[in-house]
Amino acid sequence: MVVEQLCKYPFTVTHAAAPGNALEFVSEYLLSPELAQRVATNFWALSDPTRVRIIHALSLGELRNSDLAEVLGLTESAVSHQMKDLRLMNLVTGEKHGREVRYRLNDSHVRHSFEDALNHVQEPLRDAAE
């Protein structure tokens, strides 16, 4: 990755900035357009319910293409098409075993991103149940 594309985001800061310093703070830490595009591409993966279900299934365990097709009620061809996109985005990885490929999430960041999104959309449901 090009150094200019690295984000200087202050992950340890709990509040963005004091009101008088917001513009200066944002100017210093705002994502570059290139890095913003990479982040948007990752969020794009979650814009399709089928990909979301695939990511969720793989967050629960490694599965073969045929297993994913069965559990999701899709054709193997449809799963393969989605897996190609997810592999290109570096969100999943596959390991060939004979004629089959076993898929898993690429790393814990993918799982955490998915879990954070899932928790976010479930908050109103939990609040309503209380």
Protein backbone atom coordinates (compact mmCIF):
# COMPACT_ATOMS: atom_id res chain seq x y z
CA MET A 1 0.00 0.00 0.00
CA VAL A 2 1.27 3.44 -0.87
CA VAL A 3 2.21 5.41 2.26
CA GLU A 4 0.11 8.40 1.16
CA GLN A 5 -2.95 6.13 1.24
CA LEU A 6 -2.49 5.16 4.87
CA CYS A 7 -4.99 6.75 7.19
CA LYS A 8 -3.71 8.83 10.08
CA TYR A 9 -7.02 8.30 11.90
CA PRO A 10 -6.53 8.66 15.66
CA PHE A 11 -8.20 5.41 16.71
CA THR A 12 -7.56 6.15 20.38
CA VAL A 13 -9.49 9.45 20.30
CA THR A 14 -12.97 9.07 21.78
CA HIS A 15 -14.26 12.44 20.56
CA ALA A 16 -13.32 13.94 17.23
CA ALA A 17 -12.19 17.37 18.35
CA ALA A 18 -12.98 20.33 20.53
CA PRO A 19 -15.63 22.49 18.76
CA GLY A 20 -13.15 25.23 17.88
CA ASN A 21 -10.65 22.79 16.38
CA ALA A 22 -12.99 20.61 14.29
CA LEU A 23 -12.01 21.98 10.87
CA GLU A 24 -8.29 21.67 11.58
CA PHE A 25 -8.76 18.19 13.04
CA VAL A 26 -10.85 16.96 10.09
CA SER A 27 -8.43 18.49 7.58
CA GLU A 28 -5.56 16.59 9.15
CA TYR A 29 -7.28 13.20 9.41
CA LEU A 30 -9.72 13.06 6.47
CA LEU A 31 -9.32 9.96 4.27
CA SER A 32 -7.73 10.35 0.87
CA PRO A 33 -10.09 9.73 -2.07
CA GLU A 34 -8.17 6.53 -2.89
CA LEU A 35 -8.50 5.10 0.61
CA ALA A 36 -12.15 6.18 0.78
CA GLN A 37 -12.74 4.16 -2.42
CA ARG A 38 -11.17 1.07 -0.82
CA VAL A 39 -13.39 1.42 2.25
CA ALA A 40 -16.47 1.95 0.05
CA THR A 41 -15.63 -1.22 -1.87
CA ASN A 42 -15.59 -3.18 1.38
CA PHE A 43 -18.96 -1.77 2.38
CA TRP A 44 -20.24 -2.62 -1.10
CA ALA A 45 -19.83 -6.27 -0.14
CA LEU A 46 -22.49 -5.77 2.53
CA SER A 47 -24.88 -4.08 0.10
CA ASP A 48 -26.16 -7.39 -1.21
CA PRO A 49 -28.20 -9.73 1.04
CA THR A 50 -26.71 -12.84 -0.58
CA ARG A 51 -23.15 -11.67 0.12
CA VAL A 52 -24.16 -10.74 3.67
CA ARG A 53 -25.52 -14.25 4.22
CA ILE A 54 -22.34 -15.78 2.74
CA ILE A 55 -20.17 -13.66 5.03
CA HIS A 56 -22.35 -14.61 7.99
CA ALA A 57 -22.15 -18.31 7.12
CA LEU A 58 -18.37 -18.10 6.82
CA SER A 59 -18.15 -16.23 10.12
CA LEU A 60 -19.60 -19.40 11.65
CA GLY A 61 -17.15 -21.78 9.96
CA GLU A 62 -15.29 -22.85 6.83
CA LEU A 63 -17.58 -24.17 4.11
CA ARG A 64 -17.29 -25.63 0.64
CA ASN A 65 -19.02 -24.00 -2.31
CA SER A 66 -21.55 -26.84 -2.35
CA ASP A 67 -22.20 -26.40 1.40
CA LEU A 68 -22.85 -22.69 0.92
CA ALA A 69 -25.20 -23.42 -1.97
CA GLU A 70 -27.15 -25.90 0.14
CA VAL A 71 -27.43 -23.78 3.27
CA LEU A 72 -28.33 -20.62 1.32
CA GLY A 73 -30.70 -22.32 -1.11
CA LEU A 74 -28.71 -21.16 -4.14
CA THR A 75 -27.11 -22.87 -7.10
CA GLU A 76 -23.40 -23.58 -6.90
CA SER A 77 -22.96 -21.29 -9.89
CA ALA A 78 -24.63 -18.38 -8.03
CA VAL A 79 -22.41 -18.97 -5.01
CA SER A 80 -19.30 -19.14 -7.21
CA HIS A 81 -20.22 -15.81 -8.79
CA GLN A 82 -20.52 -14.14 -5.37
CA MET A 83 -17.34 -15.80 -4.09
CA LYS A 84 -15.39 -14.39 -7.03
CA ASP A 85 -16.39 -10.86 -5.99
CA LEU A 86 -15.66 -11.52 -2.32
CA ARG A 87 -12.23 -12.97 -3.16
CA LEU A 88 -11.40 -9.97 -5.38
CA MET A 89 -12.26 -7.69 -2.45
CA ASN A 90 -9.94 -9.79 -0.27
CA LEU A 91 -12.78 -10.57 2.15
CA VAL A 92 -12.70 -14.35 1.75
CA THR A 93 -10.06 -16.84 0.84
CA GLY A 94 -10.36 -20.33 -0.54
CA GLU A 95 -8.24 -23.44 -0.34
CA LYS A 96 -8.58 -26.09 -3.00
CA HIS A 97 -9.19 -29.68 -1.86
CA GLY A 98 -9.40 -31.87 -4.93
CA ARG A 99 -12.26 -30.52 -7.02
CA GLU A 100 -13.77 -28.53 -4.16
CA VAL A 101 -12.75 -25.24 -2.58
CA ARG A 102 -13.16 -24.58 1.15
CA TYR A 103 -13.86 -20.93 1.88
CA ARG A 104 -13.28 -18.89 5.01
CA LEU A 105 -13.20 -15.23 5.94
CA ASN A 106 -9.84 -13.72 5.10
CA ASP A 107 -9.15 -12.40 8.59
CA SER A 108 -10.70 -11.26 11.86
CA HIS A 109 -11.24 -7.73 10.48
CA VAL A 110 -13.89 -9.06 8.11
CA ARG A 111 -15.65 -10.86 10.96
CA HIS A 112 -15.51 -7.78 13.19
CA SER A 113 -16.84 -5.49 10.44
CA PHE A 114 -19.73 -7.86 9.83
CA GLU A 115 -20.46 -8.26 13.55
CA ASP A 116 -20.39 -4.48 14.07
CA ALA A 117 -22.85 -3.97 11.20
CA LEU A 118 -25.09 -6.75 12.53
CA ASN A 119 -25.03 -5.31 16.07
CA HIS A 120 -25.83 -1.86 14.69
CA VAL A 121 -28.96 -3.00 12.83
CA GLN A 122 -30.11 -5.11 15.78
CA GLU A 123 -29.88 -2.27 18.34
CA PRO A 124 -33.37 -0.89 17.61
CA LEU A 125 -34.79 -4.42 17.76
CA ARG A 126 -33.19 -5.04 21.17
CA ASP A 127 -34.38 -1.65 22.42
CA ALA A 128 -37.93 -2.38 21.28
CA ALA A 129 -37.89 -5.76 23.04
CA GLU A 130 -36.93 -4.22 26.40
